[in-house]
Structures are given as C-alpha cells and as structure tokens.
C-alpha cells in the first residue's frame, strides 16, 4: 500500500513537471514569435536606412540640399536594426560568441554552456540595461529633448528603443533557457549544431 502511494506520488509529480514544461515551451515559442515580428521591423529599418541614405546623398550632391533631420533618422533606423533585430539573432543562434572551448564541446556540453551564459551573463546584463535606460527615456520624453543640431529630431523615439530592445533580449534569453531545458529533458527538439565562423 505504501509503495503504491509513493509510486502514485512520483507519477503525479512527473506529470505535473511535464505539463509545466509544456506550458513553458509554449511561452518560449510565443517569445520566439515576438522576436520574429520585431526582426521583420528591423529588416524594414535596413531598407529604410538604405533608401534615406541614398536619397540624402542624391539631393545633397545633386541639388546641394541637406538636412540634419535626414542624417539623424539614419541612426534612428540603425538603432531599430540593432535593438529590434538582436532578439531574432539570438533565437537563430547566430549571435557572436567568444569561442574558447564551445566549439570543442561534444554532446550536451554546448547546451549547458549556453544555459550558464544565458543565466549568469545575458539575463542580468539585459535586466540592468533595461532598468537603467528606462529613466533616460522617461526624462527625454517629459522634457521633449531635441537634437542640438539645426533641423534635428526629437530624441525620445530613439531612446525608447533601448529599454524595448534590452527587455526583448531578456525575454528571448528566457525563451532560450526554456528551450534548452526542454531539449535536455527530451521534450523539445532543437538544432544544437554550432559552426565556428571562418576567420
């Protein structure tokens, strides 16, 4: 009788863990979807920056007309590319690594290194940067701070990209941890292949 109750408790515990992990994996996939959407915005920012840059060069050299606003919007677009595109780059496992031992690890070794790096480096740094950049955005928004250049743009839209981007990287970091735990538990399939970049 006692053995049956212990076995029953273990079954319930395993079932509960499986259900919890399945729910977390759904959450991770929702974060992945969000990263894909902001990645699309980042890719549009690349196109807009290229068009604005070429158009600005054309009117400057062709008609001797220039505007600081057109120059500044390019770095707004660059900020959007980086801050909105970074979560997708992390999701696709295409981010830059400081590869000392990672490429030499076999089996689940790289997955454990990823989890360690995500928990102890990415999440704390992204949380800190989001926390520190939010008051800067609020300050710029309230003051309506403008560029000091003649014809320059208002600053808060570019500053808003910082807490949004860092916050999204934090969420994507959580997603990557969940997926790797799911992979180690045999509940989630993912490609763990890593190809060291040619230098």
C-alpha atoms as a PDB file:
ATOM      1  CA  UNK A   1       0.000   0.000   0.000  1.00  0.00           C
ATOM      2  CA  UNK A   2       2.788   2.376   0.945  1.00  0.00           C
ATOM      3  CA  UNK A   3       4.721   1.506  -2.238  1.00  0.00           C
ATOM      4  CA  UNK A   4       1.668   2.270  -4.341  1.00  0.00           C
ATOM      5  CA  UNK A   5       1.236   5.694  -2.787  1.00  0.00           C
ATOM      6  CA  UNK A   6       4.928   6.544  -3.353  1.00  0.00           C
ATOM      7  CA  UNK A   7       4.631   5.372  -6.953  1.00  0.00           C
ATOM      8  CA  UNK A   8       1.414   7.339  -7.389  1.00  0.00           C
ATOM      9  CA  UNK A   9       3.063  10.486  -5.996  1.00  0.00           C
ATOM     10  CA  UNK A  10       6.026  10.087  -8.356  1.00  0.00           C
ATOM     11  CA  UNK A  11       3.676   9.686 -11.332  1.00  0.00           C
ATOM     12  CA  UNK A  12       1.727  12.795 -10.345  1.00  0.00           C
ATOM     13  CA  UNK A  13       4.958  14.745  -9.829  1.00  0.00           C
ATOM     14  CA  UNK A  14       6.320  13.655 -13.238  1.00  0.00           C
ATOM     15  CA  UNK A  15       3.015  14.525 -14.922  1.00  0.00           C
ATOM     16  CA  UNK A  16       2.981  17.931 -13.233  1.00  0.00           C
ATOM     17  CA  UNK A  17       6.570  18.625 -14.354  1.00  0.00           C
ATOM     18  CA  UNK A  18       5.720  17.572 -17.922  1.00  0.00           C
ATOM     19  CA  UNK A  19       2.664  19.846 -18.018  1.00  0.00           C
ATOM     20  CA  UNK A  20       4.662  22.748 -16.550  1.00  0.00           C
ATOM     21  CA  UNK A  21       7.488  22.272 -19.055  1.00  0.00           C
ATOM     22  CA  UNK A  22       4.978  22.044 -21.934  1.00  0.00           C
ATOM     23  CA  UNK A  23       3.408  25.347 -20.794  1.00  0.00           C
ATOM     24  CA  UNK A  24       6.844  26.969 -20.528  1.00  0.00           C
ATOM     25  CA  UNK A  25       7.760  25.757 -24.016  1.00  0.00           C
ATOM     26  CA  UNK A  26       4.560  27.369 -25.355  1.00  0.00           C
ATOM     27  CA  UNK A  27       5.615  30.589 -23.625  1.00  0.00           C
ATOM     28  CA  UNK A  28       9.092  30.298 -25.179  1.00  0.00           C
ATOM     29  CA  UNK A  29       7.554  29.833 -28.631  1.00  0.00           C
ATOM     30  CA  UNK A  30       5.423  32.946 -28.052  1.00  0.00           C
ATOM     31  CA  UNK A  31       8.622  34.883 -27.256  1.00  0.00           C
ATOM     32  CA  UNK A  32      10.157  33.418 -30.438  1.00  0.00           C
ATOM     33  CA  UNK A  33       7.172  34.669 -32.445  1.00  0.00           C
ATOM     34  CA  UNK A  34       7.595  38.134 -30.928  1.00  0.00           C
ATOM     35  CA  UNK A  35      11.308  38.117 -31.827  1.00  0.00           C
ATOM     36  CA  UNK A  36      10.418  37.152 -35.410  1.00  0.00           C
ATOM     37  CA  UNK A  37       7.987  40.084 -35.662  1.00  0.00           C
ATOM     38  CA  UNK A  38      10.478  42.628 -34.328  1.00  0.00           C
ATOM     39  CA  UNK A  39      13.069  41.060 -36.640  1.00  0.00           C
ATOM     40  CA  UNK A  40      10.781  41.949 -39.557  1.00  0.00           C
ATOM     41  CA  UNK A  41      10.639  45.539 -38.300  1.00  0.00           C
ATOM     42  CA  UNK A  42      14.441  45.545 -38.101  1.00  0.00           C
ATOM     43  CA  UNK A  43      14.703  44.334 -41.695  1.00  0.00           C
ATOM     44  CA  UNK A  44      12.376  47.140 -42.830  1.00  0.00           C
ATOM     45  CA  UNK A  45      14.608  49.560 -40.919  1.00  0.00           C
ATOM     46  CA  UNK A  46      17.569  48.326 -43.001  1.00  0.00           C
ATOM     47  CA  UNK A  47      15.675  49.092 -46.213  1.00  0.00           C
ATOM     48  CA  UNK A  48      14.510  52.492 -44.956  1.00  0.00           C
ATOM     49  CA  UNK A  49      18.021  53.428 -43.829  1.00  0.00           C
ATOM     50  CA  UNK A  50      19.441  52.478 -47.222  1.00  0.00           C
ATOM     51  CA  UNK A  51      16.768  54.464 -49.089  1.00  0.00           C
ATOM     52  CA  UNK A  52      17.120  57.501 -46.833  1.00  0.00           C
ATOM     53  CA  UNK A  53      20.908  57.382 -47.046  1.00  0.00           C
ATOM     54  CA  UNK A  54      20.970  57.139 -50.832  1.00  0.00           C
ATOM     55  CA  UNK A  55      18.215  59.747 -51.218  1.00  0.00           C
ATOM     56  CA  UNK A  56      20.027  62.102 -48.866  1.00  0.00           C
ATOM     57  CA  UNK A  57      23.291  61.684 -50.795  1.00  0.00           C
ATOM     58  CA  UNK A  58      21.482  62.271 -54.087  1.00  0.00           C
ATOM     59  CA  UNK A  59      19.846  65.548 -53.028  1.00  0.00           C
ATOM     60  CA  UNK A  60      22.979  66.728 -51.221  1.00  0.00           C
ATOM     61  CA  UNK A  61      25.316  66.234 -54.162  1.00  0.00           C
ATOM     62  CA  UNK A  62      22.773  66.693 -56.932  1.00  0.00           C
ATOM     63  CA  UNK A  63      20.892  69.718 -55.644  1.00  0.00           C
ATOM     64  CA  UNK A  64      23.116  70.973 -52.809  1.00  0.00           C
ATOM     65  CA  UNK A  65      20.287  70.464 -50.285  1.00  0.00           C
ATOM     66  CA  UNK A  66      20.842  68.810 -46.910  1.00  0.00           C
ATOM     67  CA  UNK A  67      19.067  68.330 -43.614  1.00  0.00           C
ATOM     68  CA  UNK A  68      20.320  67.192 -40.233  1.00  0.00           C
ATOM     69  CA  UNK A  69      16.953  65.501 -39.726  1.00  0.00           C
ATOM     70  CA  UNK A  70      17.610  63.183 -42.677  1.00  0.00           C
ATOM     71  CA  UNK A  71      21.058  62.367 -41.321  1.00  0.00           C
ATOM     72  CA  UNK A  72      19.739  61.693 -37.825  1.00  0.00           C
ATOM     73  CA  UNK A  73      16.884  59.468 -38.984  1.00  0.00           C
ATOM     74  CA  UNK A  74      19.558  57.116 -40.328  1.00  0.00           C
ATOM     75  CA  UNK A  75      20.925  56.485 -36.847  1.00  0.00           C
ATOM     76  CA  UNK A  76      17.349  56.075 -35.592  1.00  0.00           C
ATOM     77  CA  UNK A  77      16.989  53.325 -38.202  1.00  0.00           C
ATOM     78  CA  UNK A  78      20.331  51.841 -37.149  1.00  0.00           C
ATOM     79  CA  UNK A  79      19.140  51.774 -33.522  1.00  0.00           C
ATOM     80  CA  UNK A  80      15.965  49.972 -34.664  1.00  0.00           C
ATOM     81  CA  UNK A  81      18.029  47.445 -36.657  1.00  0.00           C
ATOM     82  CA  UNK A  82      20.211  46.573 -33.667  1.00  0.00           C
ATOM     83  CA  UNK A  83      17.730  46.752 -30.802  1.00  0.00           C
ATOM     84  CA  UNK A  84      14.800  45.096 -32.596  1.00  0.00           C
ATOM     85  CA  UNK A  85      16.908  42.617 -34.571  1.00  0.00           C
ATOM     86  CA  UNK A  86      19.097  41.314 -31.726  1.00  0.00           C
ATOM     87  CA  UNK A  87      16.421  39.023 -30.185  1.00  0.00           C
ATOM     88  CA  UNK A  88      15.921  37.300 -33.545  1.00  0.00           C
ATOM     89  CA  UNK A  89      19.683  36.857 -33.953  1.00  0.00           C
ATOM     90  CA  UNK A  90      19.781  35.184 -30.517  1.00  0.00           C
ATOM     91  CA  UNK A  91      16.807  32.982 -31.428  1.00  0.00           C
ATOM     92  CA  UNK A  92      18.526  31.859 -34.634  1.00  0.00           C
ATOM     93  CA  UNK A  93      21.734  31.128 -32.687  1.00  0.00           C
ATOM     94  CA  UNK A  94      23.672  33.481 -34.982  1.00  0.00           C
ATOM     95  CA  UNK A  95      24.999  35.785 -32.265  1.00  0.00           C
ATOM     96  CA  UNK A  96      28.677  36.465 -31.718  1.00  0.00           C
ATOM     97  CA  UNK A  97      30.383  34.092 -29.299  1.00  0.00           C
ATOM     98  CA  UNK A  98      33.700  34.348 -27.543  1.00  0.00           C
ATOM     99  CA  UNK A  99      34.603  30.819 -28.561  1.00  0.00           C
ATOM    100  CA  UNK A 100      37.394  29.414 -26.415  1.00  0.00           C
ATOM    101  CA  UNK A 101      36.019  25.957 -25.651  1.00  0.00           C
ATOM    102  CA  UNK A 102      32.455  25.993 -27.013  1.00  0.00           C
ATOM    103  CA  UNK A 103      33.322  24.596 -30.455  1.00  0.00           C
ATOM    104  CA  UNK A 104      35.302  21.736 -28.909  1.00  0.00           C
ATOM    105  CA  UNK A 105      32.489  20.510 -26.651  1.00  0.00           C
ATOM    106  CA  UNK A 106      30.567  17.389 -27.644  1.00  0.00           C
ATOM    107  CA  UNK A 107      27.129  16.034 -26.803  1.00  0.00           C
ATOM    108  CA  UNK A 108      25.125  18.255 -24.459  1.00  0.00           C
ATOM    109  CA  UNK A 109      28.185  20.258 -23.378  1.00  0.00           C
ATOM    110  CA  UNK A 110      27.363  23.284 -25.567  1.00  0.00           C
ATOM    111  CA  UNK A 111      23.775  23.307 -24.267  1.00  0.00           C
ATOM    112  CA  UNK A 112      24.999  23.503 -20.661  1.00  0.00           C
ATOM    113  CA  UNK A 113      27.418  26.309 -21.602  1.00  0.00           C
ATOM    114  CA  UNK A 114      24.529  28.170 -23.276  1.00  0.00           C
ATOM    115  CA  UNK A 115      22.324  27.822 -20.191  1.00  0.00           C
ATOM    116  CA  UNK A 116      25.152  29.016 -17.923  1.00  0.00           C
ATOM    117  CA  UNK A 117      25.879  32.034 -20.148  1.00  0.00           C
ATOM    118  CA  UNK A 118      22.212  32.942 -20.517  1.00  0.00           C
ATOM    119  CA  UNK A 119      21.501  32.767 -16.781  1.00  0.00           C
ATOM    120  CA  UNK A 120      24.660  34.371 -15.422  1.00  0.00           C
ATOM    121  CA  UNK A 121      25.543  36.862 -18.171  1.00  0.00           C
ATOM    122  CA  UNK A 122      22.782  37.690 -20.639  1.00  0.00           C
ATOM    123  CA  UNK A 123      19.799  37.932 -18.271  1.00  0.00           C
ATOM    124  CA  UNK A 124      21.477  40.063 -15.550  1.00  0.00           C
ATOM    125  CA  UNK A 125      23.074  42.425 -18.087  1.00  0.00           C
ATOM    126  CA  UNK A 126      19.874  42.861 -20.121  1.00  0.00           C
ATOM    127  CA  UNK A 127      17.816  43.423 -16.959  1.00  0.00           C
ATOM    128  CA  UNK A 128      20.301  46.024 -15.703  1.00  0.00           C
ATOM    129  CA  UNK A 129      20.462  47.854 -19.047  1.00  0.00           C
ATOM    130  CA  UNK A 130      16.658  47.891 -19.397  1.00  0.00           C
ATOM    131  CA  UNK A 131      16.374  49.199 -15.825  1.00  0.00           C
ATOM    132  CA  UNK A 132      18.978  51.932 -16.412  1.00  0.00           C
ATOM    133  CA  UNK A 133      17.714  53.023 -19.835  1.00  0.00           C
ATOM    134  CA  UNK A 134      14.044  53.374 -18.846  1.00  0.00           C
ATOM    135  CA  UNK A 135      14.527  56.534 -16.694  1.00  0.00           C
ATOM    136  CA  UNK A 136      16.588  58.095 -19.501  1.00  0.00           C
ATOM    137  CA  UNK A 137      13.717  57.527 -21.920  1.00  0.00           C
ATOM    138  CA  UNK A 138      11.185  58.966 -19.421  1.00  0.00           C
ATOM    139  CA  UNK A 139      13.379  62.019 -18.870  1.00  0.00           C
ATOM    140  CA  UNK A 140      13.745  62.655 -22.610  1.00  0.00           C
ATOM    141  CA  UNK A 141      10.045  62.090 -23.212  1.00  0.00           C
ATOM    142  CA  UNK A 142       8.967  64.500 -20.469  1.00  0.00           C
ATOM    143  CA  UNK A 143      11.441  67.200 -21.466  1.00  0.00           C
ATOM    144  CA  UNK A 144      10.847  66.789 -25.215  1.00  0.00           C
ATOM    145  CA  UNK A 145      14.617  66.837 -25.685  1.00  0.00           C
ATOM    146  CA  UNK A 146      15.637  67.731 -29.216  1.00  0.00           C
ATOM    147  CA  UNK A 147      18.848  67.217 -31.115  1.00  0.00           C
ATOM    148  CA  UNK A 148      21.202  70.190 -30.689  1.00  0.00           C
ATOM    149  CA  UNK A 149      21.750  70.223 -34.473  1.00  0.00           C
ATOM    150  CA  UNK A 150      19.724  72.653 -36.596  1.00  0.00           C
ATOM    151  CA  UNK A 151      16.755  70.798 -38.063  1.00  0.00           C
ATOM    152  CA  UNK A 152      17.475  67.812 -35.821  1.00  0.00           C
ATOM    153  CA  UNK A 153      14.911  65.357 -34.496  1.00  0.00           C
ATOM    154  CA  UNK A 154      13.271  64.772 -31.153  1.00  0.00           C
ATOM    155  CA  UNK A 155      15.338  62.261 -29.166  1.00  0.00           C
ATOM    156  CA  UNK A 156      12.869  60.102 -27.208  1.00  0.00           C
ATOM    157  CA  UNK A 157      11.847  57.703 -30.032  1.00  0.00           C
ATOM    158  CA  UNK A 158      15.456  56.550 -30.404  1.00  0.00           C
ATOM    159  CA  UNK A 159      15.885  56.314 -26.620  1.00  0.00           C
ATOM    160  CA  UNK A 160      12.697  54.232 -26.332  1.00  0.00           C
ATOM    161  CA  UNK A 161      14.362  51.564 -28.464  1.00  0.00           C
ATOM    162  CA  UNK A 162      16.888  50.915 -25.673  1.00  0.00           C
ATOM    163  CA  UNK A 163      14.562  49.633 -22.922  1.00  0.00           C
ATOM    164  CA  UNK A 164      12.404  47.868 -25.521  1.00  0.00           C
ATOM    165  CA  UNK A 165      15.406  46.155 -27.103  1.00  0.00           C
ATOM    166  CA  UNK A 166      17.016  45.174 -23.796  1.00  0.00           C
ATOM    167  CA  UNK A 167      13.679  43.959 -22.462  1.00  0.00           C
ATOM    168  CA  UNK A 168      13.091  41.867 -25.574  1.00  0.00           C
ATOM    169  CA  UNK A 169      16.580  40.389 -25.309  1.00  0.00           C
ATOM    170  CA  UNK A 170      15.776  39.467 -21.697  1.00  0.00           C
ATOM    171  CA  UNK A 171      12.579  37.698 -22.815  1.00  0.00           C
ATOM    172  CA  UNK A 172      14.416  35.921 -25.621  1.00  0.00           C
ATOM    173  CA  UNK A 173      17.052  34.816 -23.133  1.00  0.00           C
ATOM    174  CA  UNK A 174      14.303  33.241 -21.019  1.00  0.00           C
ATOM    175  CA  UNK A 175      12.963  31.553 -24.153  1.00  0.00           C
ATOM    176  CA  UNK A 176      16.381  30.118 -24.971  1.00  0.00           C
ATOM    177  CA  UNK A 177      16.811  28.764 -21.431  1.00  0.00           C
ATOM    178  CA  UNK A 178      13.378  27.107 -21.527  1.00  0.00           C
ATOM    179  CA  UNK A 179      14.062  25.527 -24.922  1.00  0.00           C
ATOM    180  CA  UNK A 180      17.432  24.183 -23.792  1.00  0.00           C
ATOM    181  CA  UNK A 181      15.954  22.726 -20.602  1.00  0.00           C
ATOM    182  CA  UNK A 182      13.233  21.165 -22.759  1.00  0.00           C
ATOM    183  CA  UNK A 183      15.898  19.778 -25.074  1.00  0.00           C
ATOM    184  CA  UNK A 184      17.852  18.251 -22.189  1.00  0.00           C
ATOM    185  CA  UNK A 185      14.598  16.741 -20.871  1.00  0.00           C
ATOM    186  CA  UNK A 186      13.790  15.239 -24.266  1.00  0.00           C
ATOM    187  CA  UNK A 187      10.638  17.374 -24.576  1.00  0.00           C
ATOM    188  CA  UNK A 188      11.824  19.820 -27.235  1.00  0.00           C
ATOM    189  CA  UNK A 189      13.719  19.344 -30.471  1.00  0.00           C
ATOM    190  CA  UNK A 190      16.298  21.944 -31.412  1.00  0.00           C
ATOM    191  CA  UNK A 191      19.356  22.181 -33.591  1.00  0.00           C
ATOM    192  CA  UNK A 192      22.392  22.379 -31.328  1.00  0.00           C
ATOM    193  CA  UNK A 193      24.879  22.313 -34.205  1.00  0.00           C
ATOM    194  CA  UNK A 194      27.417  25.108 -33.974  1.00  0.00           C
ATOM    195  CA  UNK A 195      29.708  26.030 -36.790  1.00  0.00           C
ATOM    196  CA  UNK A 196      32.676  28.167 -35.814  1.00  0.00           C
ATOM    197  CA  UNK A 197      32.870  31.193 -38.109  1.00  0.00           C
ATOM    198  CA  UNK A 198      35.717  31.300 -40.616  1.00  0.00           C
ATOM    199  CA  UNK A 199      38.225  33.960 -39.563  1.00  0.00           C
END
